[in-house]
Amino acid sequence: MIQDIAPIHLHNEFQYKKPKAESRMLAYGSRMIFLDNTDEKAGIRFITYEQLNAFYKESGLPMPSCIYLFEMGGEDYFLIDIPKDTQLGGFAFHTLFSVRRMHPKEKVYAATTGWHLYGWYRDNRFCGRCAHELVHDTKERMLRCPSCGNLVFPKIAPAVIIGLVDGDRIMMTKYADREYKRYALIAGFTEIGETAEETVRREVMEEVGLEVKNIRYYKSQPWSFSGTLLFGFFCDVDGDDTLTVDHEELSVAQWFDRDKIIGQDTDSSLTNEMMMVFAAGKEPK
């Protein structure tokens, strides 16, 4: 999955740092990220502070401020805001969706984790309590309101991925009106006041109209494309298997036998791993 980058490790604890010449700079736009992928064999390259600083000096413009994000593989990563039409050598803005198919995996993981933090910083410039401009804390990953004292921490949305099983069949779906068009599993966000297991029951009923039993946990995954922490569960149909599909959420919902499983286009997601685990008959019982 996307986070499986051992022996490289993500050190996401906050530190108050300034960039060095070799620090990697992450810049984002509307579902876009600034990188170089012109050499497909070499894979993703992120621009360094030294390269970007030289570009701004040559242009006569002031270098934008940046925010420390995390360290991965001995490299520090910082968030920076640059104009969306910026092109520098092979560096340009690419769609975040396209990054899923790039390599190496640790760079994809860095790009998506940075996206999650970018969204949090972007959406929390002002206090939701008194509307005063927030300031960055220097000791932990937090934004503080100097007016009313409100503390704002990064937000993570819990959600479930559901392997709905009926004997040797699993329910596979396609989203309605989404960028991703391949088969997936039933999924949904946890509502306030419910457990993850209750989310499984509710989402299955809402999307395909079925009761479930024998809910068993499989594995979790950070999924920064949507600011989510995913919890994977398998469960069995309880009783009637007649489908009532919510076509506002799903364009397709159908049963697939183990030997007919259609995997996703990358091995980055918990959804794909759960499909392949079921195809191999290794899902938790």
C-alpha atoms as a PDB file:
ATOM      1  CA  MET A   1       0.000   0.000   0.000  1.00  0.00           C
ATOM      2  CA  ILE A   2       1.014   3.631  -0.328  1.00  0.00           C
ATOM      3  CA  GLN A   3       2.497   3.780   3.183  1.00  0.00           C
ATOM      4  CA  ASP A   4       4.580   0.596   2.800  1.00  0.00           C
ATOM      5  CA  ILE A   5       7.965   2.257   2.248  1.00  0.00           C
ATOM      6  CA  ALA A   6      10.215   0.323   4.692  1.00  0.00           C
ATOM      7  CA  PRO A   7      13.058   0.614   5.476  1.00  0.00           C
ATOM      8  CA  ILE A   8      12.351   4.303   4.777  1.00  0.00           C
ATOM      9  CA  HIS A   9      10.259   5.887   7.527  1.00  0.00           C
ATOM     10  CA  LEU A  10       8.021   8.951   7.690  1.00  0.00           C
ATOM     11  CA  HIS A  11       8.912  11.153  10.674  1.00  0.00           C
ATOM     12  CA  ASN A  12       5.867  13.389  10.881  1.00  0.00           C
ATOM     13  CA  GLU A  13       6.407  14.814  14.363  1.00  0.00           C
ATOM     14  CA  PHE A  14       6.469  18.595  14.176  1.00  0.00           C
ATOM     15  CA  GLN A  15       9.746  20.468  14.504  1.00  0.00           C
ATOM     16  CA  TYR A  16      10.480  24.149  14.091  1.00  0.00           C
ATOM     17  CA  LYS A  17      12.942  24.068  11.205  1.00  0.00           C
ATOM     18  CA  LYS A  18      14.258  26.278   8.467  1.00  0.00           C
ATOM     19  CA  PRO A  19      15.018  24.810   5.025  1.00  0.00           C
ATOM     20  CA  LYS A  20      18.506  23.808   3.951  1.00  0.00           C
ATOM     21  CA  ALA A  21      19.781  23.907   0.377  1.00  0.00           C
ATOM     22  CA  GLU A  22      18.781  20.276  -0.246  1.00  0.00           C
ATOM     23  CA  SER A  23      15.355  20.479   1.447  1.00  0.00           C
ATOM     24  CA  ARG A  24      12.462  19.368  -0.763  1.00  0.00           C
ATOM     25  CA  MET A  25       9.768  21.971  -1.443  1.00  0.00           C
ATOM     26  CA  LEU A  26       6.162  20.896  -1.985  1.00  0.00           C
ATOM     27  CA  ALA A  27       3.806  23.293  -3.762  1.00  0.00           C
ATOM     28  CA  TYR A  28       0.145  22.580  -4.496  1.00  0.00           C
ATOM     29  CA  GLY A  29      -2.779  24.093  -6.354  1.00  0.00           C
ATOM     30  CA  SER A  30      -6.289  22.939  -7.184  1.00  0.00           C
ATOM     31  CA  ARG A  31      -5.673  19.162  -7.005  1.00  0.00           C
ATOM     32  CA  MET A  32      -2.230  19.849  -8.492  1.00  0.00           C
ATOM     33  CA  ILE A  33       1.358  19.385  -7.289  1.00  0.00           C
ATOM     34  CA  PHE A  34       4.647  20.911  -8.504  1.00  0.00           C
ATOM     35  CA  LEU A  35       7.200  18.248  -9.500  1.00  0.00           C
ATOM     36  CA  ASP A  36       9.357  16.836 -12.284  1.00  0.00           C
ATOM     37  CA  ASN A  37       8.389  13.475 -13.775  1.00  0.00           C
ATOM     38  CA  THR A  38      10.002  13.854 -17.210  1.00  0.00           C
ATOM     39  CA  ASP A  39      12.360  10.931 -16.571  1.00  0.00           C
ATOM     40  CA  GLU A  40       9.926   8.064 -16.019  1.00  0.00           C
ATOM     41  CA  LYS A  41      12.749   5.664 -15.166  1.00  0.00           C
ATOM     42  CA  ALA A  42      14.066   7.930 -12.399  1.00  0.00           C
ATOM     43  CA  GLY A  43      10.570   8.810 -11.200  1.00  0.00           C
ATOM     44  CA  ILE A  44       9.391  11.816  -9.221  1.00  0.00           C
ATOM     45  CA  ARG A  45      11.742  14.685  -8.368  1.00  0.00           C
ATOM     46  CA  PHE A  46      10.759  17.506  -6.039  1.00  0.00           C
ATOM     47  CA  ILE A  47      12.386  20.882  -6.405  1.00  0.00           C
ATOM     48  CA  THR A  48      14.946  21.811  -3.746  1.00  0.00           C
ATOM     49  CA  TYR A  49      15.134  24.994  -1.720  1.00  0.00           C
ATOM     50  CA  GLU A  50      18.421  25.837  -3.451  1.00  0.00           C
ATOM     51  CA  GLN A  51      16.875  25.525  -6.933  1.00  0.00           C
ATOM     52  CA  LEU A  52      13.800  27.533  -6.037  1.00  0.00           C
ATOM     53  CA  ASN A  53      15.784  30.222  -4.232  1.00  0.00           C
ATOM     54  CA  ALA A  54      18.040  30.650  -7.287  1.00  0.00           C
ATOM     55  CA  PHE A  55      14.966  30.979  -9.509  1.00  0.00           C
ATOM     56  CA  TYR A  56      13.493  33.746  -7.328  1.00  0.00           C
ATOM     57  CA  LYS A  57      16.809  35.605  -7.096  1.00  0.00           C
ATOM     58  CA  GLU A  58      17.125  35.565 -10.878  1.00  0.00           C
ATOM     59  CA  SER A  59      13.567  36.802 -11.309  1.00  0.00           C
ATOM     60  CA  GLY A  60      14.070  39.596  -8.765  1.00  0.00           C
ATOM     61  CA  LEU A  61      11.120  38.437  -6.702  1.00  0.00           C
ATOM     62  CA  PRO A  62      11.124  37.701  -2.964  1.00  0.00           C
ATOM     63  CA  MET A  63      11.256  34.038  -1.966  1.00  0.00           C
ATOM     64  CA  PRO A  64       7.905  32.956  -0.448  1.00  0.00           C
ATOM     65  CA  SER A  65       7.871  31.770   3.159  1.00  0.00           C
ATOM     66  CA  CYS A  66       7.619  28.042   3.805  1.00  0.00           C
ATOM     67  CA  ILE A  67       6.353  25.661   6.501  1.00  0.00           C
ATOM     68  CA  TYR A  68       8.142  22.530   7.729  1.00  0.00           C
ATOM     69  CA  LEU A  69       6.089  19.386   7.052  1.00  0.00           C
ATOM     70  CA  PHE A  70       8.033  16.184   7.824  1.00  0.00           C
ATOM     71  CA  GLU A  71      11.225  14.219   7.279  1.00  0.00           C
ATOM     72  CA  MET A  72      11.405  11.106   5.118  1.00  0.00           C
ATOM     73  CA  GLY A  73      14.437   9.121   4.064  1.00  0.00           C
ATOM     74  CA  GLY A  74      16.807  11.725   5.490  1.00  0.00           C
ATOM     75  CA  GLU A  75      15.173  14.544   3.508  1.00  0.00           C
ATOM     76  CA  ASP A  76      13.234  17.450   5.001  1.00  0.00           C
ATOM     77  CA  TYR A  77      10.036  18.507   3.245  1.00  0.00           C
ATOM     78  CA  PHE A  78       8.562  22.007   3.361  1.00  0.00           C
ATOM     79  CA  LEU A  79       5.310  23.509   2.113  1.00  0.00           C
ATOM     80  CA  ILE A  80       5.582  26.587  -0.114  1.00  0.00           C
ATOM     81  CA  ASP A  81       3.114  28.620  -2.163  1.00  0.00           C
ATOM     82  CA  ILE A  82       4.210  29.474  -5.712  1.00  0.00           C
ATOM     83  CA  PRO A  83       2.269  30.821  -8.727  1.00  0.00           C
ATOM     84  CA  LYS A  84       0.290  28.145 -10.551  1.00  0.00           C
ATOM     85  CA  ASP A  85       1.863  28.978 -13.933  1.00  0.00           C
ATOM     86  CA  THR A  86       5.426  28.459 -12.636  1.00  0.00           C
ATOM     87  CA  GLN A  87       7.652  26.294 -14.862  1.00  0.00           C
ATOM     88  CA  LEU A  88      11.289  25.703 -14.040  1.00  0.00           C
ATOM     89  CA  GLY A  89      13.372  23.254 -16.054  1.00  0.00           C
ATOM     90  CA  GLY A  90      11.364  20.051 -16.026  1.00  0.00           C
ATOM     91  CA  PHE A  91       9.297  21.146 -13.033  1.00  0.00           C
ATOM     92  CA  ALA A  92       5.632  21.977 -13.544  1.00  0.00           C
ATOM     93  CA  PHE A  93       2.245  21.369 -11.933  1.00  0.00           C
ATOM     94  CA  HIS A  94       0.808  17.864 -12.399  1.00  0.00           C
ATOM     95  CA  THR A  95      -2.591  16.548 -11.358  1.00  0.00           C
ATOM     96  CA  LEU A  96      -2.564  14.910  -7.942  1.00  0.00           C
ATOM     97  CA  PHE A  97      -4.589  12.012  -9.393  1.00  0.00           C
ATOM     98  CA  SER A  98      -1.757  11.184 -11.809  1.00  0.00           C
ATOM     99  CA  VAL A  99       0.742  10.904  -8.952  1.00  0.00           C
ATOM    100  CA  ARG A 100      -0.840   7.600  -7.856  1.00  0.00           C
ATOM    101  CA  ARG A 101       0.775   5.875 -10.849  1.00  0.00           C
ATOM    102  CA  MET A 102       4.221   7.422 -10.395  1.00  0.00           C
ATOM    103  CA  HIS A 103       7.239   6.105  -8.490  1.00  0.00           C
ATOM    104  CA  PRO A 104       9.179   5.632  -6.287  1.00  0.00           C
ATOM    105  CA  LYS A 105       6.544   4.842  -3.688  1.00  0.00           C
ATOM    106  CA  GLU A 106       8.109   6.935  -0.932  1.00  0.00           C
ATOM    107  CA  LYS A 107       7.896  10.031  -3.149  1.00  0.00           C
ATOM    108  CA  VAL A 108       4.236   9.321  -3.892  1.00  0.00           C
ATOM    109  CA  TYR A 109       3.660   8.962  -0.150  1.00  0.00           C
ATOM    110  CA  ALA A 110       5.444  12.264   0.508  1.00  0.00           C
ATOM    111  CA  ALA A 111       3.383  14.016  -2.170  1.00  0.00           C
ATOM    112  CA  THR A 112       0.058  12.822  -0.774  1.00  0.00           C
ATOM    113  CA  THR A 113       0.936  13.371   2.888  1.00  0.00           C
ATOM    114  CA  GLY A 114       1.993  16.899   2.016  1.00  0.00           C
ATOM    115  CA  TRP A 115      -1.331  17.389   0.220  1.00  0.00           C
ATOM    116  CA  HIS A 116      -3.234  16.516   3.403  1.00  0.00           C
ATOM    117  CA  LEU A 117      -1.286  19.087   5.405  1.00  0.00           C
ATOM    118  CA  TYR A 118      -1.563  21.674   2.623  1.00  0.00           C
ATOM    119  CA  GLY A 119      -5.352  21.357   2.708  1.00  0.00           C
ATOM    120  CA  TRP A 120      -5.404  21.843   6.470  1.00  0.00           C
ATOM    121  CA  TYR A 121      -3.219  24.950   6.372  1.00  0.00           C
ATOM    122  CA  ARG A 122      -5.156  26.372   3.391  1.00  0.00           C
ATOM    123  CA  ASP A 123      -8.552  25.913   5.030  1.00  0.00           C
ATOM    124  CA  ASN A 124      -7.602  27.253   8.461  1.00  0.00           C
ATOM    125  CA  ARG A 125      -6.229  30.727   7.897  1.00  0.00           C
ATOM    126  CA  PHE A 126      -8.860  32.299  10.151  1.00  0.00           C
ATOM    127  CA  CYS A 127     -10.375  31.341  13.477  1.00  0.00           C
ATOM    128  CA  GLY A 128     -13.717  29.587  13.165  1.00  0.00           C
ATOM    129  CA  ARG A 129     -14.754  31.019  16.538  1.00  0.00           C
ATOM    130  CA  CYS A 130     -13.945  34.733  16.214  1.00  0.00           C
ATOM    131  CA  ALA A 131     -12.648  35.109  12.607  1.00  0.00           C
ATOM    132  CA  HIS A 132      -9.260  36.496  13.718  1.00  0.00           C
ATOM    133  CA  GLU A 133      -6.238  35.430  11.642  1.00  0.00           C
ATOM    134  CA  LEU A 134      -4.528  32.355  13.090  1.00  0.00           C
ATOM    135  CA  VAL A 135      -0.806  32.114  13.818  1.00  0.00           C
ATOM    136  CA  HIS A 136       1.511  29.112  13.576  1.00  0.00           C
ATOM    137  CA  ASP A 137       2.676  27.495  16.787  1.00  0.00           C
ATOM    138  CA  THR A 138       6.434  26.877  17.059  1.00  0.00           C
ATOM    139  CA  LYS A 139       6.279  23.820  19.360  1.00  0.00           C
ATOM    140  CA  GLU A 140       3.666  21.549  17.807  1.00  0.00           C
ATOM    141  CA  ARG A 141       1.549  21.117  14.669  1.00  0.00           C
ATOM    142  CA  MET A 142      -1.129  23.602  15.656  1.00  0.00           C
ATOM    143  CA  LEU A 143      -2.629  26.953  14.722  1.00  0.00           C
ATOM    144  CA  ARG A 144      -3.459  29.367  17.507  1.00  0.00           C
ATOM    145  CA  CYS A 145      -5.849  32.296  17.649  1.00  0.00           C
ATOM    146  CA  PRO A 146      -4.142  35.254  19.396  1.00  0.00           C
ATOM    147  CA  SER A 147      -7.538  36.871  19.972  1.00  0.00           C
ATOM    148  CA  CYS A 148      -9.724  34.225  21.633  1.00  0.00           C
ATOM    149  CA  GLY A 149      -7.191  31.470  22.359  1.00  0.00           C
ATOM    150  CA  ASN A 150      -8.794  28.882  20.057  1.00  0.00           C
ATOM    151  CA  LEU A 151      -6.440  25.992  19.199  1.00  0.00           C
ATOM    152  CA  VAL A 152      -6.773  24.318  15.797  1.00  0.00           C
ATOM    153  CA  PHE A 153      -5.154  20.925  15.183  1.00  0.00           C
ATOM    154  CA  PRO A 154      -4.896  18.910  11.929  1.00  0.00           C
ATOM    155  CA  LYS A 155      -8.111  17.147  10.981  1.00  0.00           C
ATOM    156  CA  ILE A 156      -8.283  13.477  10.002  1.00  0.00           C
ATOM    157  CA  ALA A 157     -11.573  11.978   8.784  1.00  0.00           C
ATOM    158  CA  PRO A 158     -12.159   8.294   9.713  1.00  0.00           C
ATOM    159  CA  ALA A 159     -13.742   6.140   7.011  1.00  0.00           C
ATOM    160  CA  VAL A 160     -14.312   2.459   6.279  1.00  0.00           C
ATOM    161  CA  ILE A 161     -13.560   0.184   3.317  1.00  0.00           C
ATOM    162  CA  ILE A 162     -15.926  -2.776   3.277  1.00  0.00           C
ATOM    163  CA  GLY A 163     -15.320  -6.208   1.793  1.00  0.00           C
ATOM    164  CA  LEU A 164     -18.935  -7.392   1.706  1.00  0.00           C
ATOM    165  CA  VAL A 165     -18.833 -11.164   1.253  1.00  0.00           C
ATOM    166  CA  ASP A 166     -21.437 -13.788   0.343  1.00  0.00           C
ATOM    167  CA  GLY A 167     -19.652 -17.143   0.357  1.00  0.00           C
ATOM    168  CA  ASP A 168     -17.175 -17.046  -2.523  1.00  0.00           C
ATOM    169  CA  ARG A 169     -18.505 -13.735  -3.855  1.00  0.00           C
ATOM    170  CA  ILE A 170     -17.567 -10.169  -2.963  1.00  0.00           C
ATOM    171  CA  MET A 171     -19.484  -6.971  -3.676  1.00  0.00           C
ATOM    172  CA  MET A 172     -17.642  -4.645  -6.060  1.00  0.00           C
ATOM    173  CA  THR A 173     -18.784  -1.187  -7.035  1.00  0.00           C
ATOM    174  CA  LYS A 174     -18.021   1.834  -9.169  1.00  0.00           C
ATOM    175  CA  TYR A 175     -18.525   5.371  -7.926  1.00  0.00           C
ATOM    176  CA  ALA A 176     -21.020   7.685  -9.584  1.00  0.00           C
ATOM    177  CA  ASP A 177     -19.580  10.932 -10.995  1.00  0.00           C
ATOM    178  CA  ARG A 178     -16.033  10.412  -9.715  1.00  0.00           C
ATOM    179  CA  GLU A 179     -12.658  10.826 -11.384  1.00  0.00           C
ATOM    180  CA  TYR A 180     -11.784   7.222 -10.521  1.00  0.00           C
ATOM    181  CA  LYS A 181     -13.612   4.835 -12.885  1.00  0.00           C
ATOM    182  CA  ARG A 182     -12.342   1.372 -11.921  1.00  0.00           C
ATOM    183  CA  TYR A 183     -13.963  -1.102  -9.536  1.00  0.00           C
ATOM    184  CA  ALA A 184     -13.742  -0.464  -5.814  1.00  0.00           C
ATOM    185  CA  LEU A 185     -15.427  -1.691  -2.617  1.00  0.00           C
ATOM    186  CA  ILE A 186     -18.228  -0.135  -0.619  1.00  0.00           C
ATOM    187  CA  ALA A 187     -16.831   2.736   1.452  1.00  0.00           C
ATOM    188  CA  GLY A 188     -17.960   5.696   3.529  1.00  0.00           C
ATOM    189  CA  PHE A 189     -17.106   8.192   6.229  1.00  0.00           C
ATOM    190  CA  THR A 190     -17.853   7.625   9.898  1.00  0.00           C
ATOM    191  CA  GLU A 191     -20.562   9.898  11.280  1.00  0.00           C
ATOM    192  CA  ILE A 192     -20.377  11.607  14.668  1.00  0.00           C
ATOM    193  CA  GLY A 193     -21.557   9.294  17.430  1.00  0.00           C
ATOM    194  CA  GLU A 194     -21.031   5.944  15.692  1.00  0.00           C
ATOM    195  CA  THR A 195     -18.345   3.281  15.858  1.00  0.00           C
ATOM    196  CA  ALA A 196     -16.460   2.071  12.790  1.00  0.00           C
ATOM    197  CA  GLU A 197     -18.461  -1.165  12.924  1.00  0.00           C
ATOM    198  CA  GLU A 198     -21.712   0.798  12.944  1.00  0.00           C
ATOM    199  CA  THR A 199     -20.426   2.724   9.926  1.00  0.00           C
ATOM    200  CA  VAL A 200     -20.005  -0.609   8.120  1.00  0.00           C
ATOM    201  CA  ARG A 201     -23.631  -1.582   8.804  1.00  0.00           C
ATOM    202  CA  ARG A 202     -25.000   1.822   7.810  1.00  0.00           C
ATOM    203  CA  GLU A 203     -22.975   2.233   4.619  1.00  0.00           C
ATOM    204  CA  VAL A 204     -23.864  -1.236   3.323  1.00  0.00           C
ATOM    205  CA  MET A 205     -27.550  -0.616   3.984  1.00  0.00           C
ATOM    206  CA  GLU A 206     -27.460   2.859   2.418  1.00  0.00           C
ATOM    207  CA  GLU A 207     -25.537   1.883  -0.712  1.00  0.00           C
ATOM    208  CA  VAL A 208     -26.853  -1.616  -1.547  1.00  0.00           C
ATOM    209  CA  GLY A 209     -29.709  -2.233   0.907  1.00  0.00           C
ATOM    210  CA  LEU A 210     -28.285  -5.311   2.675  1.00  0.00           C
ATOM    211  CA  GLU A 211     -27.971  -6.401   6.300  1.00  0.00           C
ATOM    212  CA  VAL A 212     -24.564  -7.654   7.465  1.00  0.00           C
ATOM    213  CA  LYS A 213     -23.083  -9.904  10.151  1.00  0.00           C
ATOM    214  CA  ASN A 214     -19.678 -11.172  11.301  1.00  0.00           C
ATOM    215  CA  ILE A 215     -17.928  -7.814  10.905  1.00  0.00           C
ATOM    216  CA  ARG A 216     -14.172  -8.356  11.274  1.00  0.00           C
ATOM    217  CA  TYR A 217     -11.347  -5.852  11.158  1.00  0.00           C
ATOM    218  CA  TYR A 218      -8.611  -6.256   8.533  1.00  0.00           C
ATOM    219  CA  LYS A 219      -6.191  -3.307   8.396  1.00  0.00           C
ATOM    220  CA  SER A 220      -5.926   0.508   8.365  1.00  0.00           C
ATOM    221  CA  GLN A 221      -4.359   2.985   5.940  1.00  0.00           C
ATOM    222  CA  PRO A 222      -3.744   6.742   5.796  1.00  0.00           C
ATOM    223  CA  TRP A 223      -5.317   8.052   2.579  1.00  0.00           C
ATOM    224  CA  SER A 224      -4.257  11.659   2.267  1.00  0.00           C
ATOM    225  CA  PHE A 225      -5.939  12.216  -1.107  1.00  0.00           C
ATOM    226  CA  SER A 226      -9.131  12.737   0.921  1.00  0.00           C
ATOM    227  CA  GLY A 227      -7.626  13.580   4.340  1.00  0.00           C
ATOM    228  CA  THR A 228      -8.765  10.195   5.600  1.00  0.00           C
ATOM    229  CA  LEU A 229      -7.692   7.366   7.869  1.00  0.00           C
ATOM    230  CA  LEU A 230      -9.240   4.235   6.348  1.00  0.00           C
ATOM    231  CA  PHE A 231     -10.297   1.176   8.354  1.00  0.00           C
ATOM    232  CA  GLY A 232     -10.758  -1.998   6.355  1.00  0.00           C
ATOM    233  CA  PHE A 233     -13.415  -4.512   7.370  1.00  0.00           C
ATOM    234  CA  PHE A 234     -14.797  -7.716   5.919  1.00  0.00           C
ATOM    235  CA  CYS A 235     -18.367  -8.759   6.693  1.00  0.00           C
ATOM    236  CA  ASP A 236     -20.967 -11.289   5.522  1.00  0.00           C
ATOM    237  CA  VAL A 237     -24.425 -10.758   4.080  1.00  0.00           C
ATOM    238  CA  ASP A 238     -27.098 -11.487   6.674  1.00  0.00           C
ATOM    239  CA  GLY A 239     -30.202 -12.903   4.980  1.00  0.00           C
ATOM    240  CA  ASP A 240     -31.638 -11.753   1.657  1.00  0.00           C
ATOM    241  CA  ASP A 241     -28.992 -10.764  -0.955  1.00  0.00           C
ATOM    242  CA  THR A 242     -31.336  -8.714  -3.173  1.00  0.00           C
ATOM    243  CA  LEU A 243     -29.630  -5.417  -4.010  1.00  0.00           C
ATOM    244  CA  THR A 244     -31.192  -1.971  -3.703  1.00  0.00           C
ATOM    245  CA  VAL A 245     -28.492   0.258  -5.175  1.00  0.00           C
ATOM    246  CA  ASP A 246     -28.155   3.963  -4.347  1.00  0.00           C
ATOM    247  CA  HIS A 247     -27.349   5.275  -7.819  1.00  0.00           C
ATOM    248  CA  GLU A 248     -26.549   8.746  -6.484  1.00  0.00           C
ATOM    249  CA  GLU A 249     -23.492   7.158  -4.845  1.00  0.00           C
ATOM    250  CA  LEU A 250     -22.783   4.182  -7.121  1.00  0.00           C
ATOM    251  CA  SER A 251     -22.965   3.705 -10.867  1.00  0.00           C
ATOM    252  CA  VAL A 252     -22.433  -0.050 -10.505  1.00  0.00           C
ATOM    253  CA  ALA A 253     -22.806  -2.630  -7.712  1.00  0.00           C
ATOM    254  CA  GLN A 254     -22.417  -6.323  -8.487  1.00  0.00           C
ATOM    255  CA  TRP A 255     -21.149  -9.605  -7.073  1.00  0.00           C
ATOM    256  CA  PHE A 256     -17.850 -11.042  -8.311  1.00  0.00           C
ATOM    257  CA  ASP A 257     -16.586 -14.605  -7.765  1.00  0.00           C
ATOM    258  CA  ARG A 258     -13.056 -14.973  -6.393  1.00  0.00           C
ATOM    259  CA  ASP A 259     -11.622 -15.965  -9.778  1.00  0.00           C
ATOM    260  CA  LYS A 260     -13.254 -12.984 -11.512  1.00  0.00           C
ATOM    261  CA  ILE A 261     -11.836 -10.228  -9.311  1.00  0.00           C
ATOM    262  CA  ILE A 262     -10.799  -7.104 -11.232  1.00  0.00           C
ATOM    263  CA  GLY A 263      -7.972  -5.334  -9.417  1.00  0.00           C
ATOM    264  CA  GLN A 264      -7.248  -1.631  -9.431  1.00  0.00           C
ATOM    265  CA  ASP A 265      -4.563  -0.004 -11.571  1.00  0.00           C
ATOM    266  CA  THR A 266      -2.017   0.350  -8.734  1.00  0.00           C
ATOM    267  CA  ASP A 267      -1.198  -1.518  -5.531  1.00  0.00           C
ATOM    268  CA  SER A 268      -1.297   1.679  -3.461  1.00  0.00           C
ATOM    269  CA  SER A 269      -4.734   1.352  -1.870  1.00  0.00           C
ATOM    270  CA  LEU A 270      -6.245  -0.651   0.967  1.00  0.00           C
ATOM    271  CA  THR A 271      -9.186  -1.303  -1.363  1.00  0.00           C
ATOM    272  CA  ASN A 272      -6.988  -3.082  -3.906  1.00  0.00           C
ATOM    273  CA  GLU A 273      -5.214  -5.120  -1.225  1.00  0.00           C
ATOM    274  CA  MET A 274      -8.542  -6.287   0.205  1.00  0.00           C
ATOM    275  CA  MET A 275      -9.716  -7.310  -3.276  1.00  0.00           C
ATOM    276  CA  MET A 276      -6.547  -9.341  -3.837  1.00  0.00           C
ATOM    277  CA  VAL A 277      -6.692 -10.894  -0.367  1.00  0.00           C
ATOM    278  CA  PHE A 278     -10.232 -12.089  -1.101  1.00  0.00           C
ATOM    279  CA  ALA A 279      -9.230 -13.344  -4.556  1.00  0.00           C
ATOM    280  CA  ALA A 280      -6.540 -15.474  -2.878  1.00  0.00           C
ATOM    281  CA  GLY A 281      -8.980 -16.773  -0.256  1.00  0.00           C
ATOM    282  CA  LYS A 282      -6.960 -15.212   2.573  1.00  0.00           C
ATOM    283  CA  GLU A 283      -9.497 -12.770   4.020  1.00  0.00           C
ATOM    284  CA  PRO A 284     -10.082 -12.978   7.803  1.00  0.00           C
ATOM    285  CA  LYS A 285     -12.907 -15.344   8.684  1.00  0.00           C
END
